[in-house]
Amino acid sequence: MRTNAKATVVIAAKAGRLGNRLFLSAYFMANALARGYHLMNPALGEYAPFFEGSVRDPLCRFPMNDINMDPETAEQCRDVLMSISGLTHVLDSRGGTIDIRKTVDAVDGVYDLNAPEFATLLKEHRLLSVKGWKFRDDTNLVRHHAEIARYFRPVARIREGAEAALSKARSRGDEVIGVHIRQGDYRNWKNGVHYFETEQYAHWMRAMAALDASKKPVFLLCASDQVDGSCFRGLDVVMGPGSVIGDLHALSLCNRIIAPPSTFSTWASYIGRVPLCMLQHHTQQLSIDSFAMHDRV
């Protein structure tokens, strides 16, 4: 249901790191397409220069417009707008604000962007500032996948590196299985429940290789930290591009992905429509049925 084509929603606070901000952006983009309002997303922040839809626009507007600013200038403007004395202050004083950080986010709830409350606020305000993480619109996120994927297409220099790694992997086997090894911060997050040593990832990779003897898998390895390559003896491994956005794009191009729970690997599954197996615990057994499409968080 279209609400107010004249309304503009501004994502005015950063929510976590890359995966979180991509999904937050995508939920509002999908809802904006469904309801007919405009979106500004300077909170995409330091990640904006890496995507075709945002690289030349300091306000990261959506639907995309014809602005064609030099990327470096756009980045400088974006930094100013997100400063303490910049855009956020103006929004709080001039428009309406929805801040769910101490309410919905704090109790791990969900703010439904299709709820009557949000529709009412869109009608009442030409400019609406939103702050928080748990804004959701699962239905439209799936429905408007193509437009979202077009906006978040990585810029050419990132695509080229990721696609070169995939081409190398594809030339050596029948299918490419992306492996996201996330260690670092996962050693302590939730008491390390999703932290796995490199040898454990290698064990799962060998289990994957044994699932279908008729196919030769090649593993595209994307790691948050340096890993011991000796753990992968007997496996055909190609390293990912090595940059955060490059690795994310490379994973989205694989045939399947295995990874611990994170919005990073979930985004790769969603944006590339790639089946993902989430690695939940050390004793987890893998099968073909372990893989599913992930199109929401």
Protein backbone atom coordinates (compact mmCIF):
# COMPACT_ATOMS: atom_id res chain seq x y z
CA MET A 1 0.00 0.00 0.00
CA ARG A 2 1.47 3.33 -1.04
CA THR A 3 1.50 5.87 1.76
CA ASN A 4 3.11 9.19 0.92
CA ALA A 5 5.21 9.65 -2.20
CA LYS A 6 6.39 13.01 -0.82
CA ALA A 7 7.82 11.55 2.38
CA THR A 8 11.55 10.98 2.79
CA VAL A 9 12.95 8.50 5.30
CA VAL A 10 16.53 8.99 6.44
CA ILE A 11 18.58 6.21 8.04
CA ALA A 12 20.34 8.53 10.45
CA ALA A 13 22.37 6.17 12.65
CA LYS A 14 24.84 3.43 11.84
CA ALA A 15 23.80 -0.07 12.93
CA GLY A 16 26.71 -2.45 13.34
CA ARG A 17 29.12 -3.38 10.59
CA LEU A 18 28.79 -4.28 6.92
CA GLY A 19 26.24 -7.11 6.95
CA ASN A 20 23.93 -5.35 9.40
CA ARG A 21 23.99 -2.11 7.48
CA LEU A 22 23.35 -3.83 4.16
CA PHE A 23 20.29 -5.63 5.48
CA LEU A 24 18.98 -2.52 7.25
CA SER A 25 19.38 -0.59 4.01
CA ALA A 26 17.72 -3.33 1.99
CA TYR A 27 14.69 -3.57 4.28
CA PHE A 28 14.02 0.15 3.94
CA MET A 29 14.69 0.09 0.20
CA ALA A 30 12.19 -2.72 -0.26
CA ASN A 31 9.61 -0.93 1.89
CA ALA A 32 10.21 2.35 0.05
CA LEU A 33 9.46 0.65 -3.26
CA ALA A 34 6.29 -0.87 -1.83
CA ARG A 35 5.03 2.32 -0.16
CA GLY A 36 6.31 4.92 -2.59
CA TYR A 37 8.45 7.11 -0.32
CA HIS A 38 12.04 8.23 -0.86
CA LEU A 39 15.03 7.01 1.13
CA MET A 40 18.29 8.68 2.10
CA ASN A 41 20.95 6.50 3.68
CA PRO A 42 24.15 8.37 4.59
CA ALA A 43 24.52 5.89 7.48
CA LEU A 44 25.79 3.39 4.91
CA GLY A 45 28.90 5.41 5.64
CA GLU A 46 32.32 3.94 4.92
CA TYR A 47 30.80 1.16 2.80
CA ALA A 48 29.06 3.50 0.34
CA PRO A 49 32.10 3.89 -1.97
CA PHE A 50 32.05 0.17 -2.79
CA PHE A 51 28.64 -0.05 -4.49
CA GLU A 52 27.41 1.33 -7.79
CA GLY A 53 24.20 2.72 -6.31
CA SER A 54 25.91 4.76 -3.60
CA VAL A 55 29.44 5.57 -4.74
CA ARG A 56 28.55 8.92 -6.36
CA ASP A 57 25.78 10.08 -4.03
CA PRO A 58 26.68 11.55 -0.60
CA LEU A 59 23.11 10.93 0.62
CA CYS A 60 22.90 7.38 -0.78
CA ARG A 61 19.42 8.07 -2.11
CA PHE A 62 16.99 5.42 -3.30
CA PRO A 63 15.41 4.98 -5.75
CA MET A 64 18.61 5.92 -7.54
CA ASN A 65 18.82 9.37 -9.07
CA ASP A 66 20.97 10.95 -11.76
CA ILE A 67 23.54 12.50 -9.42
CA ASN A 68 27.06 11.97 -10.77
CA MET A 69 29.40 13.39 -8.15
CA ASP A 70 33.06 12.47 -8.08
CA PRO A 71 33.32 9.46 -5.69
CA GLU A 72 35.99 11.10 -3.52
CA THR A 73 33.93 14.28 -3.13
CA ALA A 74 30.81 12.23 -2.36
CA GLU A 75 32.70 10.39 0.38
CA GLN A 76 33.90 13.64 1.94
CA CYS A 77 30.37 15.06 1.93
CA ARG A 78 29.03 11.86 3.49
CA ASP A 79 31.52 12.14 6.35
CA VAL A 80 30.41 15.69 7.07
CA LEU A 81 26.72 14.80 6.96
CA MET A 82 27.18 12.00 9.48
CA SER A 83 29.17 14.16 11.89
CA ILE A 84 27.70 14.98 15.30
CA SER A 85 26.81 18.52 14.25
CA GLY A 86 25.56 17.52 10.82
CA LEU A 87 22.57 15.68 9.41
CA THR A 88 21.40 13.91 12.56
CA HIS A 89 20.99 17.17 14.49
CA VAL A 90 19.05 18.76 11.64
CA LEU A 91 16.73 15.78 11.34
CA ASP A 92 15.97 15.64 15.04
CA SER A 93 15.00 19.31 15.06
CA ARG A 94 13.12 19.47 11.75
CA GLY A 95 11.37 16.13 11.26
CA GLY A 96 9.92 13.13 13.01
CA THR A 97 12.13 10.50 14.59
CA ILE A 98 11.77 6.79 15.25
CA ASP A 99 14.50 5.57 17.57
CA ILE A 100 14.14 1.90 18.53
CA ARG A 101 17.64 1.34 19.90
CA LYS A 102 16.62 1.35 23.57
CA THR A 103 13.25 -0.29 23.05
CA VAL A 104 12.81 -2.83 20.22
CA ASP A 105 16.52 -3.47 19.71
CA ALA A 106 17.15 -3.82 23.43
CA VAL A 107 14.72 -6.74 23.74
CA ASP A 108 15.61 -8.27 20.35
CA GLY A 109 12.16 -7.47 19.02
CA VAL A 110 11.03 -6.46 15.53
CA TYR A 111 9.66 -3.16 14.22
CA ASP A 112 7.33 -4.05 11.33
CA LEU A 113 7.63 -1.48 8.54
CA ASN A 114 4.21 -2.57 7.27
CA ALA A 115 2.51 -1.82 10.57
CA PRO A 116 -0.11 0.99 10.78
CA GLU A 117 2.14 2.95 13.16
CA PHE A 118 4.80 3.44 10.50
CA ALA A 119 2.21 4.31 7.85
CA THR A 120 0.80 7.02 10.13
CA LEU A 121 4.23 8.54 10.73
CA LEU A 122 4.89 8.65 6.99
CA LYS A 123 1.66 10.57 6.49
CA GLU A 124 2.44 13.01 9.29
CA HIS A 125 6.03 13.86 8.34
CA ARG A 126 7.67 14.92 5.11
CA LEU A 127 11.00 14.01 6.71
CA LEU A 128 11.32 10.99 9.01
CA SER A 129 14.55 10.00 10.75
CA VAL A 130 15.03 6.35 11.77
CA LYS A 131 17.60 4.95 14.21
CA GLY A 132 18.03 1.31 15.14
CA TRP A 133 18.60 -2.16 13.71
CA LYS A 134 15.48 -4.30 13.97
CA PHE A 135 13.35 -2.63 11.29
CA ARG A 136 11.98 -5.40 9.07
CA ASP A 137 9.91 -6.04 5.93
CA ASP A 138 10.60 -9.64 4.94
CA THR A 139 7.94 -9.89 2.23
CA ASN A 140 9.14 -6.93 0.22
CA LEU A 141 12.80 -7.80 0.78
CA VAL A 142 12.19 -10.92 -1.31
CA ARG A 143 9.84 -9.23 -3.77
CA HIS A 144 12.27 -6.43 -4.66
CA HIS A 145 15.47 -8.47 -4.71
CA ALA A 146 16.38 -7.41 -8.27
CA GLU A 147 16.31 -3.66 -7.54
CA ILE A 148 18.27 -4.12 -4.32
CA ALA A 149 20.88 -6.31 -6.03
CA ARG A 150 21.26 -3.71 -8.78
CA TYR A 151 21.91 -0.95 -6.24
CA PHE A 152 24.42 -3.03 -4.27
CA ARG A 153 26.37 -4.24 -7.28
CA PRO A 154 30.03 -3.75 -6.30
CA VAL A 155 32.05 -1.23 -8.30
CA ALA A 156 34.11 -2.62 -11.17
CA ARG A 157 37.48 -2.91 -9.42
CA ILE A 158 35.93 -5.11 -6.70
CA ARG A 159 33.86 -7.20 -9.11
CA GLU A 160 36.88 -7.93 -11.27
CA GLY A 161 38.96 -9.34 -8.41
CA ALA A 162 36.11 -11.47 -7.07
CA GLU A 163 35.13 -12.77 -10.47
CA ALA A 164 38.75 -13.64 -11.29
CA ALA A 165 38.93 -15.78 -8.14
CA LEU A 166 35.66 -17.51 -9.10
CA SER A 167 36.87 -18.11 -12.64
CA LYS A 168 40.03 -19.74 -11.30
CA ALA A 169 38.01 -21.95 -8.95
CA ARG A 170 35.47 -22.97 -11.60
CA SER A 171 38.26 -24.01 -13.99
CA ARG A 172 39.47 -26.59 -11.46
CA GLY A 173 36.29 -28.44 -10.53
CA ASP A 174 32.58 -29.06 -10.95
CA GLU A 175 31.23 -26.75 -8.26
CA VAL A 176 32.55 -23.96 -6.07
CA ILE A 177 31.76 -24.05 -2.38
CA GLY A 178 32.36 -20.78 -0.58
CA VAL A 179 33.78 -21.09 2.94
CA HIS A 180 33.60 -18.10 5.27
CA ILE A 181 36.04 -18.62 8.14
CA ARG A 182 35.19 -16.11 10.82
CA GLN A 183 37.42 -16.24 13.86
CA GLY A 184 38.75 -13.01 15.42
CA ASP A 185 35.76 -11.46 17.21
CA TYR A 186 33.95 -14.83 17.30
CA ARG A 187 36.43 -16.19 19.84
CA ASN A 188 34.60 -14.24 22.56
CA TRP A 189 31.20 -13.37 21.03
CA LYS A 190 28.46 -15.33 22.85
CA ASN A 191 31.20 -17.09 24.82
CA GLY A 192 32.70 -18.47 21.62
CA VAL A 193 29.73 -20.67 20.71
CA HIS A 194 30.33 -20.07 16.97
CA TYR A 195 34.12 -19.93 17.10
CA PHE A 196 35.75 -22.82 15.26
CA GLU A 197 39.42 -23.62 14.79
CA THR A 198 40.73 -23.86 11.24
CA GLU A 199 40.98 -27.65 11.56
CA GLN A 200 37.22 -27.80 12.23
CA TYR A 201 36.47 -25.88 9.03
CA ALA A 202 38.78 -28.28 7.15
CA HIS A 203 36.85 -31.22 8.66
CA TRP A 204 33.57 -29.81 7.34
CA MET A 205 35.13 -29.17 3.93
CA ARG A 206 36.23 -32.80 3.72
CA ALA A 207 32.72 -33.87 4.70
CA MET A 208 31.35 -31.70 1.88
CA ALA A 209 33.78 -33.24 -0.61
CA ALA A 210 32.53 -36.71 0.37
CA LEU A 211 28.84 -35.94 -0.14
CA ASP A 212 28.85 -36.47 -3.90
CA ALA A 213 31.65 -38.57 -5.37
CA SER A 214 30.52 -37.68 -8.91
CA LYS A 215 31.50 -34.03 -8.47
CA LYS A 216 34.84 -32.44 -7.72
CA PRO A 217 34.35 -29.47 -5.37
CA VAL A 218 36.69 -26.52 -5.25
CA PHE A 219 36.59 -24.45 -2.07
CA LEU A 220 36.75 -20.67 -2.24
CA LEU A 221 38.19 -19.63 1.11
CA CYS A 222 37.33 -16.24 2.61
CA ALA A 223 38.82 -15.73 6.07
CA SER A 224 38.60 -12.89 8.55
CA ASP A 225 42.10 -13.75 9.82
CA GLN A 226 45.16 -15.47 8.43
CA VAL A 227 44.73 -19.25 8.42
CA ASP A 228 47.12 -22.19 8.38
CA GLY A 229 47.01 -23.56 4.84
CA SER A 230 48.45 -26.91 5.92
CA CYS A 231 45.05 -27.75 7.45
CA PHE A 232 43.58 -28.08 3.96
CA ARG A 233 45.89 -30.76 2.55
CA GLY A 234 44.04 -32.93 0.04
CA LEU A 235 41.43 -30.26 -0.66
CA ASP A 236 41.38 -28.02 -3.72
CA VAL A 237 41.35 -24.51 -2.26
CA VAL A 238 41.34 -21.11 -3.93
CA MET A 239 41.73 -18.03 -1.77
CA GLY A 240 39.15 -15.26 -2.03
CA PRO A 241 40.08 -11.72 -3.05
CA GLY A 242 41.04 -10.81 0.53
CA SER A 243 39.06 -7.58 0.88
CA VAL A 244 35.80 -7.46 2.85
CA ILE A 245 33.60 -6.42 -0.08
CA GLY A 246 35.53 -8.58 -2.53
CA ASP A 247 35.10 -11.66 -0.34
CA LEU A 248 31.41 -10.89 0.13
CA HIS A 249 30.87 -10.62 -3.63
CA ALA A 250 32.89 -13.77 -4.28
CA LEU A 251 30.81 -15.78 -1.80
CA SER A 252 27.63 -14.56 -3.51
CA LEU A 253 28.85 -16.10 -6.78
CA CYS A 254 29.53 -19.59 -5.41
CA ASN A 255 27.29 -22.63 -5.87
CA ARG A 256 26.96 -23.11 -2.12
CA ILE A 257 28.27 -21.50 1.07
CA ILE A 258 29.22 -22.84 4.48
CA ALA A 259 29.73 -20.32 7.26
CA PRO A 260 29.02 -19.62 10.94
CA PRO A 261 25.93 -17.48 11.62
CA SER A 262 26.42 -13.85 10.57
CA THR A 263 24.71 -11.19 8.51
CA PHE A 264 27.81 -11.26 6.27
CA SER A 265 27.28 -14.77 4.91
CA THR A 266 23.50 -14.37 5.05
CA TRP A 267 23.80 -11.32 2.78
CA ALA A 268 25.93 -13.33 0.33
CA SER A 269 23.20 -15.99 0.26
CA TYR A 270 20.42 -13.42 -0.18
CA ILE A 271 22.04 -11.19 -2.78
CA GLY A 272 23.45 -14.06 -4.86
CA ARG A 273 20.56 -16.47 -4.23
CA VAL A 274 23.04 -19.06 -3.06
CA PRO A 275 22.13 -21.93 -0.68
CA LEU A 276 23.85 -21.52 2.69
CA CYS A 277 24.64 -23.97 5.47
CA MET A 278 25.10 -22.24 8.81
CA LEU A 279 27.69 -23.90 11.02
CA GLN A 280 26.11 -23.84 14.46
CA HIS A 281 28.18 -26.19 16.64
CA HIS A 282 31.31 -28.35 16.56
CA THR A 283 29.52 -31.68 16.19
CA GLN A 284 27.26 -30.57 13.33
CA GLN A 285 26.90 -33.14 10.54
CA LEU A 286 26.57 -31.81 7.00
CA SER A 287 24.32 -33.12 4.26
CA ILE A 288 22.80 -31.79 1.06
CA ASP A 289 19.70 -30.95 3.09
CA SER A 290 21.81 -28.69 5.34
CA PHE A 291 21.71 -25.98 2.66
CA ALA A 292 18.88 -23.47 2.28
CA MET A 293 18.29 -20.08 0.72
CA HIS A 294 18.54 -17.27 3.27
CA ASP A 295 16.61 -14.19 2.26
CA ARG A 296 16.14 -12.40 5.59
CA VAL A 297 17.71 -11.94 9.03
